[in-house]
Amino acid sequence: MELDIEKIKKKLRNFSKDRDWDQFHDPKNLSMALSVEVAELVEIFQWSSSGGLEEIKDPKKREKIEKEIADIFNYLIRLVDILDIDLEKISLSKIEENKNKYPANKVKGKA
């Protein structure tokens, strides 16, 4: 199944419009909301001694993790929509940039 970013953008636009939230969805506010959602995800793993691997085995924690990831994703999609950024294009470009910056033969197995 392929991800349909345009479908998600449209649903988020309609969701926001129906609630008259466009007035609050500027880049600053969306960036701040995104930051809060990332912090909520980090909080789940904060004191993990397993690097988070144990937390995802607990069904209740896994559900919470999934909801936080969905919040993060939705805020990010809303932000790139408002800024008219092609997420696929910039993501692929950044992967290529990192590929050149961190050649596998020089960094493989290093943190």
PDB file of N, CA and C in Angstrom:
ATOM      1  N   MET A   1       0.843  -1.189   0.000  1.00  0.00           N
ATOM      2  CA  MET A   1       0.000   0.000   0.000  1.00  0.00           C
ATOM      3  C   MET A   1       0.881   1.242   0.000  1.00  0.00           C
ATOM      4  N   GLU A   2       0.615   2.126  -0.922  1.00  0.00           N
ATOM      5  CA  GLU A   2       1.402   3.340  -1.032  1.00  0.00           C
ATOM      6  C   GLU A   2       0.727   4.484  -0.276  1.00  0.00           C
ATOM      7  N   LEU A   3       1.537   5.268   0.387  1.00  0.00           N
ATOM      8  CA  LEU A   3       1.048   6.408   1.155  1.00  0.00           C
ATOM      9  C   LEU A   3       0.549   7.499   0.212  1.00  0.00           C
ATOM     10  N   ASP A   4      -0.641   8.017   0.459  1.00  0.00           N
ATOM     11  CA  ASP A   4      -1.223   9.069  -0.369  1.00  0.00           C
ATOM     12  C   ASP A   4      -1.211  10.381   0.419  1.00  0.00           C
ATOM     13  N   ILE A   5      -0.105  11.108   0.275  1.00  0.00           N
ATOM     14  CA  ILE A   5       0.068  12.367   1.018  1.00  0.00           C
ATOM     15  C   ILE A   5      -1.019  13.376   0.650  1.00  0.00           C
ATOM     16  N   GLU A   6      -1.371  13.451  -0.624  1.00  0.00           N
ATOM     17  CA  GLU A   6      -2.389  14.425  -1.055  1.00  0.00           C
ATOM     18  C   GLU A   6      -3.740  14.147  -0.402  1.00  0.00           C
ATOM     19  N   LYS A   7      -4.076  12.888  -0.269  1.00  0.00           N
ATOM     20  CA  LYS A   7      -5.338  12.508   0.396  1.00  0.00           C
ATOM     21  C   LYS A   7      -5.318  12.967   1.851  1.00  0.00           C
ATOM     22  N   ILE A   8      -4.195  12.764   2.507  1.00  0.00           N
ATOM     23  CA  ILE A   8      -4.072  13.166   3.913  1.00  0.00           C
ATOM     24  C   ILE A   8      -4.110  14.683   4.034  1.00  0.00           C
ATOM     25  N   LYS A   9      -3.409  15.396   3.145  1.00  0.00           N
ATOM     26  CA  LYS A   9      -3.447  16.864   3.153  1.00  0.00           C
ATOM     27  C   LYS A   9      -4.882  17.366   3.040  1.00  0.00           C
ATOM     28  N   LYS A  10      -5.621  16.787   2.102  1.00  0.00           N
ATOM     29  CA  LYS A  10      -7.011  17.212   1.884  1.00  0.00           C
ATOM     30  C   LYS A  10      -7.861  16.964   3.125  1.00  0.00           C
ATOM     31  N   LYS A  11      -7.716  15.793   3.735  1.00  0.00           N
ATOM     32  CA  LYS A  11      -8.489  15.486   4.947  1.00  0.00           C
ATOM     33  C   LYS A  11      -8.131  16.455   6.083  1.00  0.00           C
ATOM     34  N   LEU A  12      -6.839  16.753   6.231  1.00  0.00           N
ATOM     35  CA  LEU A  12      -6.421  17.682   7.282  1.00  0.00           C
ATOM     36  C   LEU A  12      -6.900  19.101   6.996  1.00  0.00           C
ATOM     37  N   ARG A  13      -6.866  19.519   5.716  1.00  0.00           N
ATOM     38  CA  ARG A  13      -7.391  20.841   5.345  1.00  0.00           C
ATOM     39  C   ARG A  13      -8.862  20.943   5.720  1.00  0.00           C
ATOM     40  N   ASN A  14      -9.636  19.927   5.352  1.00  0.00           N
ATOM     41  CA  ASN A  14     -11.076  19.941   5.650  1.00  0.00           C
ATOM     42  C   ASN A  14     -11.333  19.903   7.149  1.00  0.00           C
ATOM     43  N   PHE A  15     -10.571  19.085   7.860  1.00  0.00           N
ATOM     44  CA  PHE A  15     -10.707  18.999   9.314  1.00  0.00           C
ATOM     45  C   PHE A  15     -10.485  20.369   9.942  1.00  0.00           C
ATOM     46  N   SER A  16      -9.436  21.045   9.515  1.00  0.00           N
ATOM     47  CA  SER A  16      -9.102  22.362  10.044  1.00  0.00           C
ATOM     48  C   SER A  16     -10.157  23.402   9.657  1.00  0.00           C
ATOM     49  N   LYS A  17     -10.558  23.385   8.392  1.00  0.00           N
ATOM     50  CA  LYS A  17     -11.548  24.349   7.905  1.00  0.00           C
ATOM     51  C   LYS A  17     -12.875  24.195   8.642  1.00  0.00           C
ATOM     52  N   ASP A  18     -13.320  22.956   8.832  1.00  0.00           N
ATOM     53  CA  ASP A  18     -14.596  22.697   9.509  1.00  0.00           C
ATOM     54  C   ASP A  18     -14.612  23.234  10.938  1.00  0.00           C
ATOM     55  N   ARG A  19     -13.451  23.382  11.540  1.00  0.00           N
ATOM     56  CA  ARG A  19     -13.347  23.845  12.925  1.00  0.00           C
ATOM     57  C   ARG A  19     -12.878  25.290  13.020  1.00  0.00           C
ATOM     58  N   ASP A  20     -12.695  25.928  11.868  1.00  0.00           N
ATOM     59  CA  ASP A  20     -12.184  27.298  11.790  1.00  0.00           C
ATOM     60  C   ASP A  20     -10.823  27.429  12.475  1.00  0.00           C
ATOM     61  N   TRP A  21      -9.983  26.436  12.251  1.00  0.00           N
ATOM     62  CA  TRP A  21      -8.654  26.427  12.869  1.00  0.00           C
ATOM     63  C   TRP A  21      -7.569  26.981  11.954  1.00  0.00           C
ATOM     64  N   ASP A  22      -7.908  27.285  10.702  1.00  0.00           N
ATOM     65  CA  ASP A  22      -6.884  27.822   9.799  1.00  0.00           C
ATOM     66  C   ASP A  22      -6.237  29.086  10.374  1.00  0.00           C
ATOM     67  N   GLN A  23      -6.999  29.836  11.119  1.00  0.00           N
ATOM     68  CA  GLN A  23      -6.472  31.060  11.730  1.00  0.00           C
ATOM     69  C   GLN A  23      -5.327  30.776  12.714  1.00  0.00           C
ATOM     70  N   PHE A  24      -5.268  29.569  13.224  1.00  0.00           N
ATOM     71  CA  PHE A  24      -4.227  29.189  14.187  1.00  0.00           C
ATOM     72  C   PHE A  24      -3.095  28.382  13.553  1.00  0.00           C
ATOM     73  N   HIS A  25      -3.315  27.919  12.328  1.00  0.00           N
ATOM     74  CA  HIS A  25      -2.348  27.038  11.682  1.00  0.00           C
ATOM     75  C   HIS A  25      -1.349  27.809  10.831  1.00  0.00           C
ATOM     76  N   ASP A  26      -0.525  28.578  11.510  1.00  0.00           N
ATOM     77  CA  ASP A  26       0.580  29.245  10.825  1.00  0.00           C
ATOM     78  C   ASP A  26       1.852  28.437  11.114  1.00  0.00           C
ATOM     79  N   PRO A  27       2.921  28.714  10.368  1.00  0.00           N
ATOM     80  CA  PRO A  27       4.137  27.911  10.561  1.00  0.00           C
ATOM     81  C   PRO A  27       4.659  27.892  11.998  1.00  0.00           C
ATOM     82  N   LYS A  28       4.598  29.007  12.690  1.00  0.00           N
ATOM     83  CA  LYS A  28       5.081  29.052  14.079  1.00  0.00           C
ATOM     84  C   LYS A  28       4.264  28.125  14.965  1.00  0.00           C
ATOM     85  N   ASN A  29       2.949  28.248  14.920  1.00  0.00           N
ATOM     86  CA  ASN A  29       2.100  27.438  15.787  1.00  0.00           C
ATOM     87  C   ASN A  29       2.175  25.953  15.451  1.00  0.00           C
ATOM     88  N   LEU A  30       2.220  25.633  14.169  1.00  0.00           N
ATOM     89  CA  LEU A  30       2.322  24.228  13.786  1.00  0.00           C
ATOM     90  C   LEU A  30       3.675  23.647  14.187  1.00  0.00           C
ATOM     91  N   SER A  31       4.733  24.429  14.062  1.00  0.00           N
ATOM     92  CA  SER A  31       6.062  23.965  14.488  1.00  0.00           C
ATOM     93  C   SER A  31       6.089  23.714  15.988  1.00  0.00           C
ATOM     94  N   MET A  32       5.464  24.615  16.738  1.00  0.00           N
ATOM     95  CA  MET A  32       5.415  24.440  18.188  1.00  0.00           C
ATOM     96  C   MET A  32       4.591  23.207  18.558  1.00  0.00           C
ATOM     97  N   ALA A  33       3.457  23.013  17.901  1.00  0.00           N
ATOM     98  CA  ALA A  33       2.617  21.844  18.171  1.00  0.00           C
ATOM     99  C   ALA A  33       3.364  20.560  17.813  1.00  0.00           C
ATOM    100  N   LEU A  34       4.086  20.585  16.714  1.00  0.00           N
ATOM    101  CA  LEU A  34       4.886  19.432  16.299  1.00  0.00           C
ATOM    102  C   LEU A  34       5.928  19.103  17.362  1.00  0.00           C
ATOM    103  N   SER A  35       6.568  20.123  17.883  1.00  0.00           N
ATOM    104  CA  SER A  35       7.577  19.946  18.932  1.00  0.00           C
ATOM    105  C   SER A  35       6.974  19.308  20.185  1.00  0.00           C
ATOM    106  N   VAL A  36       5.798  19.734  20.555  1.00  0.00           N
ATOM    107  CA  VAL A  36       5.118  19.185  21.735  1.00  0.00           C
ATOM    108  C   VAL A  36       4.804  17.706  21.519  1.00  0.00           C
ATOM    109  N   GLU A  37       4.319  17.369  20.334  1.00  0.00           N
ATOM    110  CA  GLU A  37       3.988  15.967  20.049  1.00  0.00           C
ATOM    111  C   GLU A  37       5.237  15.091  20.049  1.00  0.00           C
ATOM    112  N   VAL A  38       6.346  15.597  19.528  1.00  0.00           N
ATOM    113  CA  VAL A  38       7.604  14.850  19.568  1.00  0.00           C
ATOM    114  C   VAL A  38       8.021  14.646  21.020  1.00  0.00           C
ATOM    115  N   ALA A  39       7.879  15.671  21.843  1.00  0.00           N
ATOM    116  CA  ALA A  39       8.226  15.552  23.268  1.00  0.00           C
ATOM    117  C   ALA A  39       7.356  14.491  23.952  1.00  0.00           C
ATOM    118  N   GLU A  40       6.088  14.407  23.576  1.00  0.00           N
ATOM    119  CA  GLU A  40       5.210  13.400  24.161  1.00  0.00           C
ATOM    120  C   GLU A  40       5.653  11.987  23.759  1.00  0.00           C
ATOM    121  N   LEU A  41       6.146  11.827  22.550  1.00  0.00           N
ATOM    122  CA  LEU A  41       6.681  10.530  22.126  1.00  0.00           C
ATOM    123  C   LEU A  41       7.958  10.215  22.889  1.00  0.00           C
ATOM    124  N   VAL A  42       8.822  11.193  23.021  1.00  0.00           N
ATOM    125  CA  VAL A  42      10.082  11.005  23.757  1.00  0.00           C
ATOM    126  C   VAL A  42       9.795  10.598  25.202  1.00  0.00           C
ATOM    127  N   GLU A  43       8.768  11.193  25.789  1.00  0.00           N
ATOM    128  CA  GLU A  43       8.425  10.903  27.183  1.00  0.00           C
ATOM    129  C   GLU A  43       8.111   9.418  27.395  1.00  0.00           C
ATOM    130  N   ILE A  44       7.506   8.785  26.417  1.00  0.00           N
ATOM    131  CA  ILE A  44       7.181   7.360  26.538  1.00  0.00           C
ATOM    132  C   ILE A  44       8.452   6.527  26.715  1.00  0.00           C
ATOM    133  N   PHE A  45       9.509   6.920  26.033  1.00  0.00           N
ATOM    134  CA  PHE A  45      10.763   6.169  26.049  1.00  0.00           C
ATOM    135  C   PHE A  45      11.796   6.716  27.030  1.00  0.00           C
ATOM    136  N   GLN A  46      11.460   7.789  27.710  1.00  0.00           N
ATOM    137  CA  GLN A  46      12.430   8.545  28.510  1.00  0.00           C
ATOM    138  C   GLN A  46      13.300   7.687  29.429  1.00  0.00           C
ATOM    139  N   TRP A  47      12.738   6.806  30.178  1.00  0.00           N
ATOM    140  CA  TRP A  47      13.517   6.032  31.145  1.00  0.00           C
ATOM    141  C   TRP A  47      13.676   4.571  30.728  1.00  0.00           C
ATOM    142  N   SER A  48      13.511   4.316  29.452  1.00  0.00           N
ATOM    143  CA  SER A  48      13.618   2.953  28.955  1.00  0.00           C
ATOM    144  C   SER A  48      15.045   2.434  29.091  1.00  0.00           C
ATOM    145  N   SER A  49      15.167   1.227  29.605  1.00  0.00           N
ATOM    146  CA  SER A  49      16.494   0.605  29.697  1.00  0.00           C
ATOM    147  C   SER A  49      16.738  -0.314  28.500  1.00  0.00           C
ATOM    148  N   SER A  50      15.712  -0.437  27.636  1.00  0.00           N
ATOM    149  CA  SER A  50      15.826  -1.319  26.468  1.00  0.00           C
ATOM    150  C   SER A  50      15.912  -0.523  25.165  1.00  0.00           C
ATOM    151  N   GLY A  51      16.053   0.771  25.276  1.00  0.00           N
ATOM    152  CA  GLY A  51      16.064   1.589  24.069  1.00  0.00           C
ATOM    153  C   GLY A  51      14.690   1.710  23.433  1.00  0.00           C
ATOM    154  N   GLY A  52      13.659   1.345  24.165  1.00  0.00           N
ATOM    155  CA  GLY A  52      12.291   1.425  23.677  1.00  0.00           C
ATOM    156  C   GLY A  52      11.740   0.114  23.156  1.00  0.00           C
ATOM    157  N   LEU A  53      12.581  -0.905  23.085  1.00  0.00           N
ATOM    158  CA  LEU A  53      12.134  -2.186  22.527  1.00  0.00           C
ATOM    159  C   LEU A  53      11.110  -2.888  23.416  1.00  0.00           C
ATOM    160  N   GLU A  54      11.219  -2.724  24.717  1.00  0.00           N
ATOM    161  CA  GLU A  54      10.243  -3.334  25.623  1.00  0.00           C
ATOM    162  C   GLU A  54       8.908  -2.591  25.563  1.00  0.00           C
ATOM    163  N   GLU A  55       8.960  -1.281  25.436  1.00  0.00           N
ATOM    164  CA  GLU A  55       7.743  -0.470  25.435  1.00  0.00           C
ATOM    165  C   GLU A  55       6.810  -0.847  24.276  1.00  0.00           C
ATOM    166  N   ILE A  56       7.381  -1.166  23.118  1.00  0.00           N
ATOM    167  CA  ILE A  56       6.518  -1.471  21.973  1.00  0.00           C
ATOM    168  C   ILE A  56       5.854  -2.840  22.093  1.00  0.00           C
ATOM    169  N   LYS A  57       6.298  -3.654  23.041  1.00  0.00           N
ATOM    170  CA  LYS A  57       5.669  -4.962  23.255  1.00  0.00           C
ATOM    171  C   LYS A  57       4.410  -4.858  24.112  1.00  0.00           C
ATOM    172  N   ASP A  58       4.299  -3.782  24.887  1.00  0.00           N
ATOM    173  CA  ASP A  58       3.137  -3.557  25.743  1.00  0.00           C
ATOM    174  C   ASP A  58       2.028  -2.950  24.869  1.00  0.00           C
ATOM    175  N   PRO A  59       0.892  -3.651  24.697  1.00  0.00           N
ATOM    176  CA  PRO A  59      -0.160  -3.159  23.801  1.00  0.00           C
ATOM    177  C   PRO A  59      -0.654  -1.745  24.112  1.00  0.00           C
ATOM    178  N   LYS A  60      -0.790  -1.408  25.391  1.00  0.00           N
ATOM    179  CA  LYS A  60      -1.265  -0.066  25.759  1.00  0.00           C
ATOM    180  C   LYS A  60      -0.225   0.997  25.401  1.00  0.00           C
ATOM    181  N   LYS A  61       1.039   0.701  25.685  1.00  0.00           N
ATOM    182  CA  LYS A  61       2.099   1.655  25.338  1.00  0.00           C
ATOM    183  C   LYS A  61       2.252   1.758  23.823  1.00  0.00           C
ATOM    184  N   ARG A  62       2.143   0.627  23.143  1.00  0.00           N
ATOM    185  CA  ARG A  62       2.256   0.647  21.678  1.00  0.00           C
ATOM    186  C   ARG A  62       1.160   1.529  21.069  1.00  0.00           C
ATOM    187  N   GLU A  63      -0.057   1.412  21.591  1.00  0.00           N
ATOM    188  CA  GLU A  63      -1.161   2.243  21.098  1.00  0.00           C
ATOM    189  C   GLU A  63      -0.852   3.722  21.319  1.00  0.00           C
ATOM    190  N   LYS A  64      -0.322   4.048  22.478  1.00  0.00           N
ATOM    191  CA  LYS A  64       0.043   5.438  22.769  1.00  0.00           C
ATOM    192  C   LYS A  64       1.151   5.914  21.824  1.00  0.00           C
ATOM    193  N   ILE A  65       2.132   5.065  21.577  1.00  0.00           N
ATOM    194  CA  ILE A  65       3.225   5.383  20.652  1.00  0.00           C
ATOM    195  C   ILE A  65       2.655   5.659  19.258  1.00  0.00           C
ATOM    196  N   GLU A  66       1.768   4.799  18.804  1.00  0.00           N
ATOM    197  CA  GLU A  66       1.175   4.966  17.477  1.00  0.00           C
ATOM    198  C   GLU A  66       0.389   6.267  17.377  1.00  0.00           C
ATOM    199  N   LYS A  67      -0.347   6.616  18.423  1.00  0.00           N
ATOM    200  CA  LYS A  67      -1.122   7.860  18.404  1.00  0.00           C
ATOM    201  C   LYS A  67      -0.211   9.080  18.372  1.00  0.00           C
ATOM    202  N   GLU A  68       0.888   9.031  19.120  1.00  0.00           N
ATOM    203  CA  GLU A  68       1.828  10.157  19.109  1.00  0.00           C
ATOM    204  C   GLU A  68       2.495  10.291  17.739  1.00  0.00           C
ATOM    205  N   ILE A  69       2.850   9.156  17.147  1.00  0.00           N
ATOM    206  CA  ILE A  69       3.457   9.201  15.805  1.00  0.00           C
ATOM    207  C   ILE A  69       2.456   9.763  14.794  1.00  0.00           C
ATOM    208  N   ALA A  70       1.207   9.389  14.910  1.00  0.00           N
ATOM    209  CA  ALA A  70       0.175   9.927  14.019  1.00  0.00           C
ATOM    210  C   ALA A  70       0.034  11.435  14.207  1.00  0.00           C
ATOM    211  N   ASP A  71       0.047  11.901  15.455  1.00  0.00           N
ATOM    212  CA  ASP A  71      -0.022  13.347  15.708  1.00  0.00           C
ATOM    213  C   ASP A  71       1.164  14.067  15.067  1.00  0.00           C
ATOM    214  N   ILE A  72       2.349  13.513  15.243  1.00  0.00           N
ATOM    215  CA  ILE A  72       3.558  14.106  14.675  1.00  0.00           C
ATOM    216  C   ILE A  72       3.434  14.171  13.147  1.00  0.00           C
ATOM    217  N   PHE A  73       3.054  13.065  12.563  1.00  0.00           N
ATOM    218  CA  PHE A  73       2.917  12.986  11.111  1.00  0.00           C
ATOM    219  C   PHE A  73       1.883  13.990  10.599  1.00  0.00           C
ATOM    220  N   ASN A  74       0.733  14.051  11.256  1.00  0.00           N
ATOM    221  CA  ASN A  74      -0.330  14.952  10.804  1.00  0.00           C
ATOM    222  C   ASN A  74       0.076  16.418  10.920  1.00  0.00           C
ATOM    223  N   TYR A  75       0.737  16.790  12.005  1.00  0.00           N
ATOM    224  CA  TYR A  75       1.211  18.170  12.114  1.00  0.00           C
ATOM    225  C   TYR A  75       2.258  18.467  11.044  1.00  0.00           C
ATOM    226  N   LEU A  76       3.138  17.515  10.776  1.00  0.00           N
ATOM    227  CA  LEU A  76       4.147  17.716   9.742  1.00  0.00           C
ATOM    228  C   LEU A  76       3.493  17.877   8.370  1.00  0.00           C
ATOM    229  N   ILE A  77       2.519  17.044   8.067  1.00  0.00           N
ATOM    230  CA  ILE A  77       1.823  17.150   6.781  1.00  0.00           C
ATOM    231  C   ILE A  77       1.087  18.485   6.676  1.00  0.00           C
ATOM    232  N   ARG A  78       0.468  18.891   7.742  1.00  0.00           N
ATOM    233  CA  ARG A  78      -0.240  20.189   7.741  1.00  0.00           C
ATOM    234  C   ARG A  78       0.756  21.328   7.504  1.00  0.00           C
ATOM    235  N   LEU A  79       1.916  21.247   8.139  1.00  0.00           N
ATOM    236  CA  LEU A  79       2.940  22.289   7.995  1.00  0.00           C
ATOM    237  C   LEU A  79       3.471  22.346   6.564  1.00  0.00           C
ATOM    238  N   VAL A  80       3.824  21.206   5.986  1.00  0.00           N
ATOM    239  CA  VAL A  80       4.353  21.230   4.618  1.00  0.00           C
ATOM    240  C   VAL A  80       3.277  21.664   3.624  1.00  0.00           C
ATOM    241  N   ASP A  81       2.023  21.370   3.923  1.00  0.00           N
ATOM    242  CA  ASP A  81       0.930  21.811   3.061  1.00  0.00           C
ATOM    243  C   ASP A  81       0.831  23.338   3.080  1.00  0.00           C
ATOM    244  N   ILE A  82       0.843  23.914   4.256  1.00  0.00           N
ATOM    245  CA  ILE A  82       0.740  25.372   4.377  1.00  0.00           C
ATOM    246  C   ILE A  82       1.944  26.077   3.759  1.00  0.00           C
ATOM    247  N   LEU A  83       3.123  25.467   3.906  1.00  0.00           N
ATOM    248  CA  LEU A  83       4.340  26.066   3.347  1.00  0.00           C
ATOM    249  C   LEU A  83       4.544  25.710   1.871  1.00  0.00           C
ATOM    250  N   ASP A  84       3.648  24.900   1.320  1.00  0.00           N
ATOM    251  CA  ASP A  84       3.728  24.465  -0.075  1.00  0.00           C
ATOM    252  C   ASP A  84       5.086  23.831  -0.378  1.00  0.00           C
ATOM    253  N   ILE A  85       5.437  22.859   0.447  1.00  0.00           N
ATOM    254  CA  ILE A  85       6.695  22.127   0.306  1.00  0.00           C
ATOM    255  C   ILE A  85       6.394  20.726  -0.202  1.00  0.00           C
ATOM    256  N   ASP A  86       7.167  20.284  -1.165  1.00  0.00           N
ATOM    257  CA  ASP A  86       7.032  18.932  -1.707  1.00  0.00           C
ATOM    258  C   ASP A  86       7.834  18.001  -0.800  1.00  0.00           C
ATOM    259  N   LEU A  87       7.152  17.324   0.104  1.00  0.00           N
ATOM    260  CA  LEU A  87       7.794  16.495   1.114  1.00  0.00           C
ATOM    261  C   LEU A  87       8.598  15.353   0.493  1.00  0.00           C
ATOM    262  N   GLU A  88       8.059  14.717  -0.519  1.00  0.00           N
ATOM    263  CA  GLU A  88       8.786  13.623  -1.172  1.00  0.00           C
ATOM    264  C   GLU A  88      10.088  14.144  -1.790  1.00  0.00           C
ATOM    265  N   LYS A  89      10.001  15.254  -2.480  1.00  0.00           N
ATOM    266  CA  LYS A  89      11.178  15.832  -3.149  1.00  0.00           C
ATOM    267  C   LYS A  89      12.269  16.192  -2.143  1.00  0.00           C
ATOM    268  N   ILE A  90      11.899  16.889  -1.069  1.00  0.00           N
ATOM    269  CA  ILE A  90      12.934  17.314  -0.112  1.00  0.00           C
ATOM    270  C   ILE A  90      13.476  16.136   0.686  1.00  0.00           C
ATOM    271  N   SER A  91      12.627  15.142   0.941  1.00  0.00           N
ATOM    272  CA  SER A  91      13.090  13.957   1.665  1.00  0.00           C
ATOM    273  C   SER A  91      14.114  13.184   0.831  1.00  0.00           C
ATOM    274  N   LEU A  92      13.790  12.944  -0.426  1.00  0.00           N
ATOM    275  CA  LEU A  92      14.715  12.220  -1.303  1.00  0.00           C
ATOM    276  C   LEU A  92      16.008  13.007  -1.508  1.00  0.00           C
ATOM    277  N   SER A  93      15.891  14.317  -1.602  1.00  0.00           N
ATOM    278  CA  SER A  93      17.072  15.166  -1.755  1.00  0.00           C
ATOM    279  C   SER A  93      17.968  15.086  -0.519  1.00  0.00           C
ATOM    280  N   LYS A  94      17.361  15.092   0.650  1.00  0.00           N
ATOM    281  CA  LYS A  94      18.123  15.008   1.907  1.00  0.00           C
ATOM    282  C   LYS A  94      18.794  13.641   2.050  1.00  0.00           C
ATOM    283  N   ILE A  95      18.123  12.593   1.610  1.00  0.00           N
ATOM    284  CA  ILE A  95      18.729  11.258   1.648  1.00  0.00           C
ATOM    285  C   ILE A  95      19.977  11.239   0.771  1.00  0.00           C
ATOM    286  N   GLU A  96      19.902  11.827  -0.403  1.00  0.00           N
ATOM    287  CA  GLU A  96      21.063  11.890  -1.299  1.00  0.00           C
ATOM    288  C   GLU A  96      22.188  12.722  -0.674  1.00  0.00           C
ATOM    289  N   GLU A  97      21.811  13.851  -0.073  1.00  0.00           N
ATOM    290  CA  GLU A  97      22.804  14.704   0.598  1.00  0.00           C
ATOM    291  C   GLU A  97      23.515  13.927   1.704  1.00  0.00           C
ATOM    292  N   ASN A  98      22.746  13.197   2.510  1.00  0.00           N
ATOM    293  CA  ASN A  98      23.333  12.411   3.601  1.00  0.00           C
ATOM    294  C   ASN A  98      24.160  11.241   3.072  1.00  0.00           C
ATOM    295  N   LYS A  99      23.740  10.684   1.949  1.00  0.00           N
ATOM    296  CA  LYS A  99      24.503   9.598   1.326  1.00  0.00           C
ATOM    297  C   LYS A  99      25.910  10.084   0.969  1.00  0.00           C
ATOM    298  N   ASN A 100      25.988  11.301   0.455  1.00  0.00           N
ATOM    299  CA  ASN A 100      27.290  11.883   0.108  1.00  0.00           C
ATOM    300  C   ASN A 100      28.076  12.313   1.338  1.00  0.00           C
ATOM    301  N   LYS A 101      27.361  12.801   2.334  1.00  0.00           N
ATOM    302  CA  LYS A 101      28.004  13.280   3.566  1.00  0.00           C
ATOM    303  C   LYS A 101      28.533  12.123   4.416  1.00  0.00           C
ATOM    304  N   TYR A 102      27.811  11.012   4.389  1.00  0.00           N
ATOM    305  CA  TYR A 102      28.162   9.848   5.208  1.00  0.00           C
ATOM    306  C   TYR A 102      28.299   8.604   4.324  1.00  0.00           C
ATOM    307  N   PRO A 103      29.380   8.500   3.548  1.00  0.00           N
ATOM    308  CA  PRO A 103      29.549   7.331   2.671  1.00  0.00           C
ATOM    309  C   PRO A 103      29.582   6.035   3.486  1.00  0.00           C
ATOM    310  N   ALA A 104      28.846   5.045   3.035  1.00  0.00           N
ATOM    311  CA  ALA A 104      28.720   3.779   3.768  1.00  0.00           C
ATOM    312  C   ALA A 104      30.079   3.155   4.072  1.00  0.00           C
ATOM    313  N   ASN A 105      31.014   3.244   3.148  1.00  0.00           N
ATOM    314  CA  ASN A 105      32.313   2.610   3.360  1.00  0.00           C
ATOM    315  C   ASN A 105      33.136   3.297   4.447  1.00  0.00           C
ATOM    316  N   LYS A 106      32.732   4.519   4.842  1.00  0.00           N
ATOM    317  CA  LYS A 106      33.476   5.229   5.886  1.00  0.00           C
ATOM    318  C   LYS A 106      32.759   5.244   7.231  1.00  0.00           C
ATOM    319  N   VAL A 107      31.451   5.073   7.220  1.00  0.00           N
ATOM    320  CA  VAL A 107      30.703   5.211   8.484  1.00  0.00           C
ATOM    321  C   VAL A 107      29.977   3.940   8.912  1.00  0.00           C
ATOM    322  N   LYS A 108      30.022   2.903   8.121  1.00  0.00           N
ATOM    323  CA  LYS A 108      29.275   1.679   8.434  1.00  0.00           C
ATOM    324  C   LYS A 108      29.631   1.143   9.815  1.00  0.00           C
ATOM    325  N   GLY A 109      28.597   0.964  10.634  1.00  0.00           N
ATOM    326  CA  GLY A 109      28.787   0.425  11.972  1.00  0.00           C
ATOM    327  C   GLY A 109      29.191   1.454  13.021  1.00  0.00           C
ATOM    328  N   LYS A 110      29.300   2.714  12.631  1.00  0.00           N
ATOM    329  CA  LYS A 110      29.680   3.777  13.581  1.00  0.00           C
ATOM    330  C   LYS A 110      28.474   4.631  13.880  1.00  0.00           C
ATOM    331  N   ALA A 111      28.385   5.099  15.115  1.00  0.00           N
ATOM    332  CA  ALA A 111      27.222   5.892  15.544  1.00  0.00           C
ATOM    333  C   ALA A 111      27.232   7.269  14.929  1.00  0.00           C
TER     334      ALA A 111
END
